[in-house]
Amino acid sequence: MNSLPTALATSSPSAVAPPRAGILAALWLPTRADGQLDREALGRHLAFLRHHGVHGILALGSTGEFPQFDLAERKRILECVAELAHPLPVIANISDIRPRAVAELGRFARQIGLPAIAIMPPGFFPSRQDDLLAHFLHAADAAQLPTFLYNFPELTGTRIDLPTVEAFASRAPMAGIKQSGREFTYHRDLIALGARHNFVVFSGSDTRLPEVFSLGAVGCIGGLVNIAPDLMVHLFNVCRRGQPGDISPAFERLREIGEVIDRLTFPLNVAAGMEARGFDPGEAKAVVSASSHRLYQEIVADLGSRLRAWDLD
């Protein structure tokens, strides 16, 4: 077994710093019927996100359905997103069950000048916390980039426990952590730990942004950013930056969007929301049943009418 590094270098060819705050899109990736990335649709969507003031991109995260792509496709997607998202910083999610794939994607992210990587537990097989730490250190050592841990136990099957986060922060260039899932109170512990170890906490709780910011989280990395970046940036500006403004309309509308699309499972619900907003999300990457397709169309119609009533179409 390879020995673990006690300290990791942070040198990088990128001149872009990893994001330390803001609203980041957990980017949806539109694909054609052949499964390949629809570059034109992605370009239009990224232009929309930039127009509404988002602060960065998480590429190939859970919203981007990264397990649906092979290693070569993920590299091509990272290059494409980096090009089309410019000048926004792009975090590359390099998560995979295969350590060799994680290392290769990490090295590639550094090679193309991305400012940071994100890494989830490997998934499928259960993991001890010591093995999670080894997996994360392996990823950071290969990439030699600032690293965001990515906690989403409902998807991976494994929670990243607080001692594991602290051990990683003590031994690697930890930029931050994305906290997703049902355990909202975990934000408090992570934020307190981040204050001691100089890393930041981004939340995946899209519909609870005022609470997230009141706890001390620096921003959100979420799927709903693809649908309503304008509402979410407004909440960030008022709640986090202290700009004048009323949060009630944006907060209530964002919560309503979440309620409507959550009639369908993640991440297909994000595609339905994007279509309601006027974007072509491309072909489904997974097999979709007739009943889910009907529900999808109902959500598009329902949410579309609400967005138009709010002048958000």
C-alpha atoms as a PDB file:
ATOM      1  CA  MET A   1       0.000   0.000   0.000  1.00  0.00           C
ATOM      2  CA  ASN A   2       1.276   3.467  -0.893  1.00  0.00           C
ATOM      3  CA  SER A   3       2.272   5.706   1.986  1.00  0.00           C
ATOM      4  CA  LEU A   4       0.173   8.838   2.454  1.00  0.00           C
ATOM      5  CA  PRO A   5       1.672  12.295   1.959  1.00  0.00           C
ATOM      6  CA  THR A   6       1.938  14.427   5.077  1.00  0.00           C
ATOM      7  CA  ALA A   7       1.799  17.673   3.141  1.00  0.00           C
ATOM      8  CA  LEU A   8       0.776  18.447  -0.402  1.00  0.00           C
ATOM      9  CA  ALA A   9       2.058  21.109  -2.724  1.00  0.00           C
ATOM     10  CA  THR A  10      -0.349  23.679  -4.116  1.00  0.00           C
ATOM     11  CA  SER A  11       1.505  24.830  -7.205  1.00  0.00           C
ATOM     12  CA  SER A  12      -0.694  25.238 -10.267  1.00  0.00           C
ATOM     13  CA  PRO A  13      -0.426  26.722 -13.747  1.00  0.00           C
ATOM     14  CA  SER A  14      -3.808  28.394 -13.216  1.00  0.00           C
ATOM     15  CA  ALA A  15      -3.849  32.133 -12.559  1.00  0.00           C
ATOM     16  CA  VAL A  16      -7.470  31.872 -11.363  1.00  0.00           C
ATOM     17  CA  ALA A  17      -8.039  31.492  -7.638  1.00  0.00           C
ATOM     18  CA  PRO A  18     -10.592  28.977  -6.399  1.00  0.00           C
ATOM     19  CA  PRO A  19     -13.872  30.637  -5.436  1.00  0.00           C
ATOM     20  CA  ARG A  20     -14.125  31.625  -1.782  1.00  0.00           C
ATOM     21  CA  ALA A  21     -17.761  32.793  -1.812  1.00  0.00           C
ATOM     22  CA  GLY A  22     -20.771  33.212  -4.049  1.00  0.00           C
ATOM     23  CA  ILE A  23     -23.435  31.393  -6.018  1.00  0.00           C
ATOM     24  CA  LEU A  24     -21.928  28.575  -8.089  1.00  0.00           C
ATOM     25  CA  ALA A  25     -23.869  26.519 -10.598  1.00  0.00           C
ATOM     26  CA  ALA A  26     -23.754  22.773 -10.144  1.00  0.00           C
ATOM     27  CA  LEU A  27     -23.827  22.645 -13.898  1.00  0.00           C
ATOM     28  CA  TRP A  28     -26.389  20.687 -15.881  1.00  0.00           C
ATOM     29  CA  LEU A  29     -24.866  19.174 -19.037  1.00  0.00           C
ATOM     30  CA  PRO A  30     -27.129  19.014 -22.122  1.00  0.00           C
ATOM     31  CA  THR A  31     -26.475  15.980 -24.319  1.00  0.00           C
ATOM     32  CA  ARG A  32     -27.689  14.874 -27.726  1.00  0.00           C
ATOM     33  CA  ALA A  33     -29.404  11.602 -28.579  1.00  0.00           C
ATOM     34  CA  ASP A  34     -25.978   9.993 -29.137  1.00  0.00           C
ATOM     35  CA  GLY A  35     -24.978  10.884 -25.574  1.00  0.00           C
ATOM     36  CA  GLN A  36     -22.451  13.514 -26.624  1.00  0.00           C
ATOM     37  CA  LEU A  37     -22.329  16.982 -25.115  1.00  0.00           C
ATOM     38  CA  ASP A  38     -24.425  19.602 -26.926  1.00  0.00           C
ATOM     39  CA  ARG A  39     -21.854  22.379 -27.058  1.00  0.00           C
ATOM     40  CA  GLU A  40     -24.189  25.009 -28.500  1.00  0.00           C
ATOM     41  CA  ALA A  41     -26.875  24.434 -25.868  1.00  0.00           C
ATOM     42  CA  LEU A  42     -24.242  24.486 -23.124  1.00  0.00           C
ATOM     43  CA  GLY A  43     -22.819  27.749 -24.457  1.00  0.00           C
ATOM     44  CA  ARG A  44     -26.232  29.404 -24.380  1.00  0.00           C
ATOM     45  CA  HIS A  45     -26.847  28.208 -20.859  1.00  0.00           C
ATOM     46  CA  LEU A  46     -23.466  29.384 -19.572  1.00  0.00           C
ATOM     47  CA  ALA A  47     -24.047  32.788 -21.179  1.00  0.00           C
ATOM     48  CA  PHE A  48     -27.364  32.952 -19.281  1.00  0.00           C
ATOM     49  CA  LEU A  49     -25.627  32.091 -15.995  1.00  0.00           C
ATOM     50  CA  ARG A  50     -22.922  34.716 -16.557  1.00  0.00           C
ATOM     51  CA  HIS A  51     -25.570  37.319 -17.458  1.00  0.00           C
ATOM     52  CA  HIS A  52     -27.274  36.770 -14.131  1.00  0.00           C
ATOM     53  CA  GLY A  53     -24.074  37.142 -12.156  1.00  0.00           C
ATOM     54  CA  VAL A  54     -23.175  33.668 -10.915  1.00  0.00           C
ATOM     55  CA  HIS A  55     -19.723  33.475  -9.399  1.00  0.00           C
ATOM     56  CA  GLY A  56     -18.452  30.122 -10.633  1.00  0.00           C
ATOM     57  CA  ILE A  57     -19.170  26.634 -11.920  1.00  0.00           C
ATOM     58  CA  LEU A  58     -18.921  23.112 -10.548  1.00  0.00           C
ATOM     59  CA  ALA A  59     -18.415  20.916 -13.608  1.00  0.00           C
ATOM     60  CA  LEU A  60     -19.343  17.215 -13.687  1.00  0.00           C
ATOM     61  CA  GLY A  61     -20.968  17.196 -10.273  1.00  0.00           C
ATOM     62  CA  SER A  62     -24.029  15.178  -9.345  1.00  0.00           C
ATOM     63  CA  THR A  63     -26.286  17.577 -11.284  1.00  0.00           C
ATOM     64  CA  GLY A  64     -23.967  17.021 -14.254  1.00  0.00           C
ATOM     65  CA  GLU A  65     -24.508  13.239 -13.956  1.00  0.00           C
ATOM     66  CA  PHE A  66     -20.797  12.496 -14.111  1.00  0.00           C
ATOM     67  CA  PRO A  67     -21.192   8.683 -13.782  1.00  0.00           C
ATOM     68  CA  GLN A  68     -22.885   8.700 -17.194  1.00  0.00           C
ATOM     69  CA  PHE A  69     -19.616   9.683 -18.929  1.00  0.00           C
ATOM     70  CA  ASP A  70     -16.427   7.750 -19.509  1.00  0.00           C
ATOM     71  CA  LEU A  71     -13.018   9.187 -18.693  1.00  0.00           C
ATOM     72  CA  ALA A  72     -12.305  10.580 -22.169  1.00  0.00           C
ATOM     73  CA  GLU A  73     -15.732  12.230 -22.286  1.00  0.00           C
ATOM     74  CA  ARG A  74     -15.207  13.802 -18.879  1.00  0.00           C
ATOM     75  CA  LYS A  75     -11.925  15.316 -20.047  1.00  0.00           C
ATOM     76  CA  ARG A  76     -13.553  16.750 -23.160  1.00  0.00           C
ATOM     77  CA  ILE A  77     -16.382  18.157 -21.064  1.00  0.00           C
ATOM     78  CA  LEU A  78     -13.976  19.825 -18.628  1.00  0.00           C
ATOM     79  CA  GLU A  79     -12.152  21.480 -21.514  1.00  0.00           C
ATOM     80  CA  CYS A  80     -15.399  22.636 -23.075  1.00  0.00           C
ATOM     81  CA  VAL A  81     -16.845  24.007 -19.843  1.00  0.00           C
ATOM     82  CA  ALA A  82     -13.593  25.824 -19.034  1.00  0.00           C
ATOM     83  CA  GLU A  83     -13.634  27.463 -22.461  1.00  0.00           C
ATOM     84  CA  LEU A  84     -17.325  28.395 -22.540  1.00  0.00           C
ATOM     85  CA  ALA A  85     -17.569  29.503 -18.904  1.00  0.00           C
ATOM     86  CA  HIS A  86     -14.607  31.910 -19.108  1.00  0.00           C
ATOM     87  CA  PRO A  87     -13.899  34.055 -17.112  1.00  0.00           C
ATOM     88  CA  LEU A  88     -15.806  32.225 -14.368  1.00  0.00           C
ATOM     89  CA  PRO A  89     -13.741  29.864 -12.202  1.00  0.00           C
ATOM     90  CA  VAL A  90     -14.521  26.192 -12.847  1.00  0.00           C
ATOM     91  CA  ILE A  91     -14.153  23.531 -10.155  1.00  0.00           C
ATOM     92  CA  ALA A  92     -13.655  20.062 -11.624  1.00  0.00           C
ATOM     93  CA  ASN A  93     -15.427  17.245  -9.814  1.00  0.00           C
ATOM     94  CA  ILE A  94     -13.019  14.324 -10.250  1.00  0.00           C
ATOM     95  CA  SER A  95     -14.993  11.837  -8.149  1.00  0.00           C
ATOM     96  CA  ASP A  96     -14.934   8.206  -9.225  1.00  0.00           C
ATOM     97  CA  ILE A  97     -14.927   4.752  -7.698  1.00  0.00           C
ATOM     98  CA  ARG A  98     -11.594   4.079  -9.470  1.00  0.00           C
ATOM     99  CA  PRO A  99      -8.524   5.685  -7.867  1.00  0.00           C
ATOM    100  CA  ARG A 100      -6.680   5.686 -11.189  1.00  0.00           C
ATOM    101  CA  ALA A 101      -9.511   7.645 -12.816  1.00  0.00           C
ATOM    102  CA  VAL A 102      -9.534  10.129  -9.929  1.00  0.00           C
ATOM    103  CA  ALA A 103      -5.793  10.702 -10.286  1.00  0.00           C
ATOM    104  CA  GLU A 104      -5.961  11.051 -14.063  1.00  0.00           C
ATOM    105  CA  LEU A 105      -8.808  13.557 -13.910  1.00  0.00           C
ATOM    106  CA  GLY A 106      -7.024  15.526 -11.204  1.00  0.00           C
ATOM    107  CA  ARG A 107      -3.854  15.784 -13.240  1.00  0.00           C
ATOM    108  CA  PHE A 108      -5.902  16.777 -16.279  1.00  0.00           C
ATOM    109  CA  ALA A 109      -7.714  19.518 -14.349  1.00  0.00           C
ATOM    110  CA  ARG A 110      -4.366  20.990 -13.392  1.00  0.00           C
ATOM    111  CA  GLN A 111      -3.021  20.600 -16.929  1.00  0.00           C
ATOM    112  CA  ILE A 112      -5.830  22.697 -18.426  1.00  0.00           C
ATOM    113  CA  GLY A 113      -5.465  25.383 -15.768  1.00  0.00           C
ATOM    114  CA  LEU A 114      -8.529  24.836 -13.598  1.00  0.00           C
ATOM    115  CA  PRO A 115      -8.231  26.433 -10.146  1.00  0.00           C
ATOM    116  CA  ALA A 116      -9.582  23.609  -7.968  1.00  0.00           C
ATOM    117  CA  ILE A 117     -10.996  20.106  -7.788  1.00  0.00           C
ATOM    118  CA  ALA A 118     -13.867  18.544  -5.848  1.00  0.00           C
ATOM    119  CA  ILE A 119     -13.946  14.981  -4.556  1.00  0.00           C
ATOM    120  CA  MET A 120     -16.769  12.819  -3.170  1.00  0.00           C
ATOM    121  CA  PRO A 121     -16.551   9.464  -1.373  1.00  0.00           C
ATOM    122  CA  PRO A 122     -16.079   6.766  -4.015  1.00  0.00           C
ATOM    123  CA  GLY A 123     -19.576   5.295  -3.673  1.00  0.00           C
ATOM    124  CA  PHE A 124     -21.093   1.830  -4.209  1.00  0.00           C
ATOM    125  CA  PHE A 125     -18.868   0.009  -1.697  1.00  0.00           C
ATOM    126  CA  PRO A 126     -18.952   1.129   1.954  1.00  0.00           C
ATOM    127  CA  SER A 127     -15.884   3.016   3.165  1.00  0.00           C
ATOM    128  CA  ARG A 128     -14.237   3.385   6.563  1.00  0.00           C
ATOM    129  CA  GLN A 129     -13.380   6.962   7.430  1.00  0.00           C
ATOM    130  CA  ASP A 130      -9.635   6.220   7.353  1.00  0.00           C
ATOM    131  CA  ASP A 131     -10.046   4.896   3.826  1.00  0.00           C
ATOM    132  CA  LEU A 132     -12.023   7.982   2.822  1.00  0.00           C
ATOM    133  CA  LEU A 133      -9.162  10.133   4.056  1.00  0.00           C
ATOM    134  CA  ALA A 134      -6.684   8.070   2.056  1.00  0.00           C
ATOM    135  CA  HIS A 135      -8.887   8.402  -1.037  1.00  0.00           C
ATOM    136  CA  PHE A 136      -9.124  12.177  -0.661  1.00  0.00           C
ATOM    137  CA  LEU A 137      -5.389  12.595  -0.065  1.00  0.00           C
ATOM    138  CA  HIS A 138      -4.712  10.466  -3.132  1.00  0.00           C
ATOM    139  CA  ALA A 139      -6.892  12.802  -5.205  1.00  0.00           C
ATOM    140  CA  ALA A 140      -5.295  15.981  -3.871  1.00  0.00           C
ATOM    141  CA  ASP A 141      -1.781  14.598  -4.283  1.00  0.00           C
ATOM    142  CA  ALA A 142      -2.434  13.701  -7.924  1.00  0.00           C
ATOM    143  CA  ALA A 143      -4.065  17.021  -8.803  1.00  0.00           C
ATOM    144  CA  GLN A 144      -1.779  19.320  -6.786  1.00  0.00           C
ATOM    145  CA  LEU A 145      -4.687  21.761  -6.662  1.00  0.00           C
ATOM    146  CA  PRO A 146      -6.812  23.319  -3.928  1.00  0.00           C
ATOM    147  CA  THR A 147      -9.467  20.763  -3.071  1.00  0.00           C
ATOM    148  CA  PHE A 148     -13.124  20.890  -2.102  1.00  0.00           C
ATOM    149  CA  LEU A 149     -14.550  17.904  -0.299  1.00  0.00           C
ATOM    150  CA  TYR A 150     -18.083  17.090  -1.438  1.00  0.00           C
ATOM    151  CA  ASN A 151     -20.418  15.548   1.138  1.00  0.00           C
ATOM    152  CA  PHE A 152     -23.637  14.067  -0.259  1.00  0.00           C
ATOM    153  CA  PRO A 153     -24.265  10.833   1.675  1.00  0.00           C
ATOM    154  CA  GLU A 154     -27.699  10.260   0.139  1.00  0.00           C
ATOM    155  CA  LEU A 155     -25.943   9.692  -3.191  1.00  0.00           C
ATOM    156  CA  THR A 156     -22.610   8.162  -2.190  1.00  0.00           C
ATOM    157  CA  GLY A 157     -23.816   6.078   0.741  1.00  0.00           C
ATOM    158  CA  THR A 158     -21.049   7.433   2.989  1.00  0.00           C
ATOM    159  CA  ARG A 159     -20.989  10.546   5.162  1.00  0.00           C
ATOM    160  CA  ILE A 160     -17.718  12.458   5.458  1.00  0.00           C
ATOM    161  CA  ASP A 161     -17.394  12.700   9.224  1.00  0.00           C
ATOM    162  CA  LEU A 162     -15.980  15.764  10.958  1.00  0.00           C
ATOM    163  CA  PRO A 163     -12.673  14.137  12.103  1.00  0.00           C
ATOM    164  CA  THR A 164     -12.057  13.077   8.492  1.00  0.00           C
ATOM    165  CA  VAL A 165     -12.628  16.629   7.275  1.00  0.00           C
ATOM    166  CA  GLU A 166     -10.265  17.964   9.945  1.00  0.00           C
ATOM    167  CA  ALA A 167      -7.596  15.393   9.151  1.00  0.00           C
ATOM    168  CA  PHE A 168      -7.765  16.248   5.464  1.00  0.00           C
ATOM    169  CA  ALA A 169      -7.647  19.988   6.158  1.00  0.00           C
ATOM    170  CA  SER A 170      -4.531  19.417   8.276  1.00  0.00           C
ATOM    171  CA  ARG A 171      -2.688  17.512   5.546  1.00  0.00           C
ATOM    172  CA  ALA A 172      -3.867  18.870   2.194  1.00  0.00           C
ATOM    173  CA  PRO A 173      -4.630  22.174   0.454  1.00  0.00           C
ATOM    174  CA  MET A 174      -8.307  22.182   1.423  1.00  0.00           C
ATOM    175  CA  ALA A 175     -10.212  25.072  -0.131  1.00  0.00           C
ATOM    176  CA  GLY A 176     -13.623  24.154   1.224  1.00  0.00           C
ATOM    177  CA  ILE A 177     -16.440  21.664   1.418  1.00  0.00           C
ATOM    178  CA  LYS A 178     -19.812  21.395  -0.258  1.00  0.00           C
ATOM    179  CA  GLN A 179     -22.436  20.173   2.203  1.00  0.00           C
ATOM    180  CA  SER A 180     -25.466  18.592   0.511  1.00  0.00           C
ATOM    181  CA  GLY A 181     -28.250  16.320   1.620  1.00  0.00           C
ATOM    182  CA  ARG A 182     -30.790  16.160   4.416  1.00  0.00           C
ATOM    183  CA  GLU A 183     -28.447  16.827   7.376  1.00  0.00           C
ATOM    184  CA  PHE A 184     -28.823  20.590   7.438  1.00  0.00           C
ATOM    185  CA  THR A 185     -27.485  20.995  10.982  1.00  0.00           C
ATOM    186  CA  TYR A 186     -24.121  19.602   9.863  1.00  0.00           C
ATOM    187  CA  HIS A 187     -23.438  23.004   8.329  1.00  0.00           C
ATOM    188  CA  ARG A 188     -22.806  24.389  11.829  1.00  0.00           C
ATOM    189  CA  ASP A 189     -20.033  21.939  12.685  1.00  0.00           C
ATOM    190  CA  LEU A 190     -18.388  22.303   9.289  1.00  0.00           C
ATOM    191  CA  ILE A 191     -18.471  26.105   9.430  1.00  0.00           C
ATOM    192  CA  ALA A 192     -16.929  26.114  12.903  1.00  0.00           C
ATOM    193  CA  LEU A 193     -14.211  23.725  11.753  1.00  0.00           C
ATOM    194  CA  GLY A 194     -13.590  25.792   8.626  1.00  0.00           C
ATOM    195  CA  ALA A 195     -13.002  28.874  10.747  1.00  0.00           C
ATOM    196  CA  ARG A 196     -10.239  27.028  12.588  1.00  0.00           C
ATOM    197  CA  HIS A 197      -8.631  25.531   9.482  1.00  0.00           C
ATOM    198  CA  ASN A 198      -9.149  28.327   6.957  1.00  0.00           C
ATOM    199  CA  PHE A 199     -11.520  26.559   4.583  1.00  0.00           C
ATOM    200  CA  VAL A 200     -14.975  27.697   3.473  1.00  0.00           C
ATOM    201  CA  VAL A 201     -18.348  25.966   3.431  1.00  0.00           C
ATOM    202  CA  PHE A 202     -20.662  26.056   0.432  1.00  0.00           C
ATOM    203  CA  SER A 203     -24.156  24.667   0.820  1.00  0.00           C
ATOM    204  CA  GLY A 204     -26.198  22.535  -1.533  1.00  0.00           C
ATOM    205  CA  SER A 205     -29.410  23.589   0.234  1.00  0.00           C
ATOM    206  CA  ASP A 206     -30.650  25.759  -2.616  1.00  0.00           C
ATOM    207  CA  THR A 207     -34.040  26.597  -1.115  1.00  0.00           C
ATOM    208  CA  ARG A 208     -32.747  27.541   2.360  1.00  0.00           C
ATOM    209  CA  LEU A 209     -30.242  30.249   1.474  1.00  0.00           C
ATOM    210  CA  PRO A 210     -31.175  32.808   4.173  1.00  0.00           C
ATOM    211  CA  GLU A 211     -30.631  30.125   6.837  1.00  0.00           C
ATOM    212  CA  VAL A 212     -27.424  28.979   5.162  1.00  0.00           C
ATOM    213  CA  PHE A 213     -25.983  32.488   5.176  1.00  0.00           C
ATOM    214  CA  SER A 214     -27.090  33.181   8.739  1.00  0.00           C
ATOM    215  CA  LEU A 215     -25.038  30.172   9.836  1.00  0.00           C
ATOM    216  CA  GLY A 216     -21.931  31.530   8.124  1.00  0.00           C
ATOM    217  CA  ALA A 217     -21.766  29.565   4.889  1.00  0.00           C
ATOM    218  CA  VAL A 218     -20.057  31.570   2.164  1.00  0.00           C
ATOM    219  CA  GLY A 219     -22.300  30.522  -0.692  1.00  0.00           C
ATOM    220  CA  CYS A 220     -24.226  27.852  -2.497  1.00  0.00           C
ATOM    221  CA  ILE A 221     -23.295  25.263  -5.103  1.00  0.00           C
ATOM    222  CA  GLY A 222     -26.640  24.027  -6.344  1.00  0.00           C
ATOM    223  CA  GLY A 223     -28.683  22.561  -9.140  1.00  0.00           C
ATOM    224  CA  LEU A 224     -31.362  25.234  -8.841  1.00  0.00           C
ATOM    225  CA  VAL A 225     -28.794  27.797  -9.979  1.00  0.00           C
ATOM    226  CA  ASN A 226     -29.372  26.394 -13.472  1.00  0.00           C
ATOM    227  CA  ILE A 227     -33.028  27.419 -13.218  1.00  0.00           C
ATOM    228  CA  ALA A 228     -33.092  30.610 -11.150  1.00  0.00           C
ATOM    229  CA  PRO A 229     -29.631  32.188 -10.904  1.00  0.00           C
ATOM    230  CA  ASP A 230     -31.183  35.655 -10.705  1.00  0.00           C
ATOM    231  CA  LEU A 231     -33.141  34.799  -7.541  1.00  0.00           C
ATOM    232  CA  MET A 232     -30.172  33.106  -5.900  1.00  0.00           C
ATOM    233  CA  VAL A 233     -27.666  35.857  -6.680  1.00  0.00           C
ATOM    234  CA  HIS A 234     -30.144  38.385  -5.273  1.00  0.00           C
ATOM    235  CA  LEU A 235     -30.378  36.415  -2.015  1.00  0.00           C
ATOM    236  CA  PHE A 236     -26.578  36.198  -1.825  1.00  0.00           C
ATOM    237  CA  ASN A 237     -26.205  39.945  -2.384  1.00  0.00           C
ATOM    238  CA  VAL A 238     -28.726  40.833   0.316  1.00  0.00           C
ATOM    239  CA  CYS A 239     -28.033  38.124   2.907  1.00  0.00           C
ATOM    240  CA  ARG A 240     -24.283  37.721   2.533  1.00  0.00           C
ATOM    241  CA  ARG A 241     -23.027  41.009   1.094  1.00  0.00           C
ATOM    242  CA  GLY A 242     -25.459  43.195   3.031  1.00  0.00           C
ATOM    243  CA  GLN A 243     -26.820  45.001   0.004  1.00  0.00           C
ATOM    244  CA  PRO A 244     -30.235  46.637   0.476  1.00  0.00           C
ATOM    245  CA  GLY A 245     -33.211  44.673  -0.741  1.00  0.00           C
ATOM    246  CA  ASP A 246     -36.159  42.495   0.159  1.00  0.00           C
ATOM    247  CA  ILE A 247     -35.461  38.774   0.303  1.00  0.00           C
ATOM    248  CA  SER A 248     -39.059  37.615   0.668  1.00  0.00           C
ATOM    249  CA  PRO A 249     -40.170  37.423  -2.990  1.00  0.00           C
ATOM    250  CA  ALA A 250     -36.990  35.682  -4.174  1.00  0.00           C
ATOM    251  CA  PHE A 251     -36.951  33.295  -1.208  1.00  0.00           C
ATOM    252  CA  GLU A 252     -40.599  32.313  -1.598  1.00  0.00           C
ATOM    253  CA  ARG A 253     -40.283  31.841  -5.353  1.00  0.00           C
ATOM    254  CA  LEU A 254     -37.172  29.740  -4.990  1.00  0.00           C
ATOM    255  CA  ARG A 255     -38.874  27.534  -2.435  1.00  0.00           C
ATOM    256  CA  GLU A 256     -41.880  27.198  -4.733  1.00  0.00           C
ATOM    257  CA  ILE A 257     -39.636  26.188  -7.637  1.00  0.00           C
ATOM    258  CA  GLY A 258     -38.104  23.525  -5.423  1.00  0.00           C
ATOM    259  CA  GLU A 259     -41.487  22.173  -4.397  1.00  0.00           C
ATOM    260  CA  VAL A 260     -42.686  21.945  -8.002  1.00  0.00           C
ATOM    261  CA  ILE A 261     -39.658  20.209  -9.472  1.00  0.00           C
ATOM    262  CA  ASP A 262     -39.187  17.874  -6.509  1.00  0.00           C
ATOM    263  CA  ARG A 263     -42.229  15.939  -7.636  1.00  0.00           C
ATOM    264  CA  LEU A 264     -39.636  14.274  -9.869  1.00  0.00           C
ATOM    265  CA  THR A 265     -36.351  12.681  -8.785  1.00  0.00           C
ATOM    266  CA  PHE A 266     -32.971  14.380  -8.934  1.00  0.00           C
ATOM    267  CA  PRO A 267     -31.332  15.258 -11.289  1.00  0.00           C
ATOM    268  CA  LEU A 268     -34.053  14.852 -13.948  1.00  0.00           C
ATOM    269  CA  ASN A 269     -36.034  17.435 -11.997  1.00  0.00           C
ATOM    270  CA  VAL A 270     -33.354  20.022 -12.804  1.00  0.00           C
ATOM    271  CA  ALA A 271     -33.801  19.344 -16.519  1.00  0.00           C
ATOM    272  CA  ALA A 272     -37.556  19.888 -16.180  1.00  0.00           C
ATOM    273  CA  GLY A 273     -36.955  23.196 -14.419  1.00  0.00           C
ATOM    274  CA  MET A 274     -34.522  24.332 -17.094  1.00  0.00           C
ATOM    275  CA  GLU A 275     -36.994  23.489 -19.851  1.00  0.00           C
ATOM    276  CA  ALA A 276     -39.655  25.465 -18.001  1.00  0.00           C
ATOM    277  CA  ARG A 277     -37.223  28.416 -17.980  1.00  0.00           C
ATOM    278  CA  GLY A 278     -36.845  28.142 -21.769  1.00  0.00           C
ATOM    279  CA  PHE A 279     -33.707  26.036 -22.206  1.00  0.00           C
ATOM    280  CA  ASP A 280     -33.269  22.797 -24.096  1.00  0.00           C
ATOM    281  CA  PRO A 281     -31.752  20.414 -21.532  1.00  0.00           C
ATOM    282  CA  GLY A 282     -31.047  17.810 -24.207  1.00  0.00           C
ATOM    283  CA  GLU A 283     -31.851  14.123 -24.166  1.00  0.00           C
ATOM    284  CA  ALA A 284     -32.125  12.207 -20.915  1.00  0.00           C
ATOM    285  CA  LYS A 285     -28.905  10.357 -20.110  1.00  0.00           C
ATOM    286  CA  ALA A 286     -30.707   7.577 -18.246  1.00  0.00           C
ATOM    287  CA  VAL A 287     -33.708   5.495 -19.295  1.00  0.00           C
ATOM    288  CA  VAL A 288     -36.897   7.350 -18.339  1.00  0.00           C
ATOM    289  CA  SER A 289     -40.226   5.603 -17.864  1.00  0.00           C
ATOM    290  CA  ALA A 290     -43.447   6.746 -19.498  1.00  0.00           C
ATOM    291  CA  SER A 291     -44.837   7.826 -16.108  1.00  0.00           C
ATOM    292  CA  SER A 292     -41.748   9.909 -15.314  1.00  0.00           C
ATOM    293  CA  HIS A 293     -41.929  11.448 -18.794  1.00  0.00           C
ATOM    294  CA  ARG A 294     -45.563  12.470 -18.165  1.00  0.00           C
ATOM    295  CA  LEU A 295     -44.632  13.939 -14.790  1.00  0.00           C
ATOM    296  CA  TYR A 296     -41.727  15.763 -16.412  1.00  0.00           C
ATOM    297  CA  GLN A 297     -44.082  17.413 -18.918  1.00  0.00           C
ATOM    298  CA  GLU A 298     -46.514  18.349 -16.140  1.00  0.00           C
ATOM    299  CA  ILE A 299     -43.698  20.049 -14.220  1.00  0.00           C
ATOM    300  CA  VAL A 300     -42.551  21.947 -17.310  1.00  0.00           C
ATOM    301  CA  ALA A 301     -46.089  23.248 -17.879  1.00  0.00           C
ATOM    302  CA  ASP A 302     -46.772  24.053 -14.206  1.00  0.00           C
ATOM    303  CA  LEU A 303     -43.458  25.748 -13.482  1.00  0.00           C
ATOM    304  CA  GLY A 304     -43.409  27.499 -16.851  1.00  0.00           C
ATOM    305  CA  SER A 305     -46.712  29.226 -16.074  1.00  0.00           C
ATOM    306  CA  ARG A 306     -45.408  30.360 -12.688  1.00  0.00           C
ATOM    307  CA  LEU A 307     -42.153  31.672 -14.129  1.00  0.00           C
ATOM    308  CA  ARG A 308     -44.052  33.656 -16.727  1.00  0.00           C
ATOM    309  CA  ALA A 309     -46.317  35.110 -14.043  1.00  0.00           C
ATOM    310  CA  TRP A 310     -43.178  36.203 -12.189  1.00  0.00           C
ATOM    311  CA  ASP A 311     -41.643  37.606 -15.413  1.00  0.00           C
ATOM    312  CA  LEU A 312     -38.863  35.029 -15.145  1.00  0.00           C
ATOM    313  CA  ASP A 313     -39.454  33.345 -18.493  1.00  0.00           C
END
